[in-house]
Amino acid sequence: MKPIKKDLIHPIPGSRWNHILSGVVGDKLAMLALIIFVFYCLIALLAPLVAPYDVSDPAFMDLMNSEIPPSWISGNSQFLLGTDAQGRDLLSVILYGTRLSLTIGICAVLIQVTLGICIGLVAGYLGGRIDNFLMRCADIQLSFSNMMVAIVFLAIFQSLFGMARYQQLAMIILILVIGLTEWPLFARTIRASVLAEKQQEYVDAARVMGISSKRIMFRHILPNTLSPILVIFTVQIANAIVAEAALSFLGLGMPATEPSLGSLISEGFAYMFAGSWWICVIPSITLIILILAMNLLGDWLRDHLNPRAYKD
């Protein structure tokens, strides 16, 4: 038996990641997108410290301060981005809304990744009837519109348990709904990679050594299939945030008491042509910049994780 080459088992941590890091530094657009994403993550984590006002304070909502224009229009330095129809400081609610949208997006994609990796590994490695059954389940899932499934499920939940109960569990329900509707994308990608990897000689050597199938799948095959998963993970975070924003815009997302970027846009849309355009426009710009940065990172990773890009 031929000796197992170390780079066959662990090709990712070596030259591939060095290529990615050097590529980020050399690509100005990718560097800008990465800086924007890190900035969003930092302000989301530090929202309670950065926000000018505490959104949980009962005095935060003051109708006497409703619809005040941004400071560069009205000259009122007390509210940098103005206030919304409820008299809340728009900068503060945007910071907390960004935090909520990122949390929902990342947690939903983590559910997608977990389900997709487990199902894809089992289907690709075991094959046969198990592979056929799991992939048919994925086909059935993909045959439905993910947004339509989410709308139907959320509408049924609100009808059965009432709006009050839904508002208490809105964040958890959104994470579960968005997460459980997108797993086939990861499962199919992992399965395709596993079908190629399980024919490699290091897998045959592991079987001969008596290593369990579970260990072979998760300790040897999985690390060699993470490149496309990283790309999809980045893009899917943006898609999950857009899905949450769309559901919130339709009134099926986060309640007004816990505003996300989508619910802020939905609330401000009613005032778009009534003179208070900033209530809708500024959260929309915030969301667009975040989605654009995530998509740019995903496109850049797709190009630089291509095996031909780092092939010696």
Foldseek 3Di string as FASTA:
>chain_A
DDDDDPCLQFVCPPLLVVLVVVVCVVDPLLVVLVVLQVVLVVLLVCLVPPAPDDLPDPVQFDQVQALAAACVVVVPPVARHGHHNRNHRLRSLASLQSNLLLVLLLLLLVLLQVVQLVQLLCLQPVPDPSVVVSVVVLVVLVVDDLLVQLVVVLVVCCVVPNPVVCQVCQSVSLSPSSNVSNNSVSSVQSSVQSNVSCPDVVVVVCVVVVHDSVCCSPVGSVSVSCLVVVLCSLLSSLVSSVSQLVCLLVVSHHDPSRHHLSVQLNSLVVCCPVPSVSSNVVSVVVSVSNSVSSNVNSVVSVVSSPCVNSPD
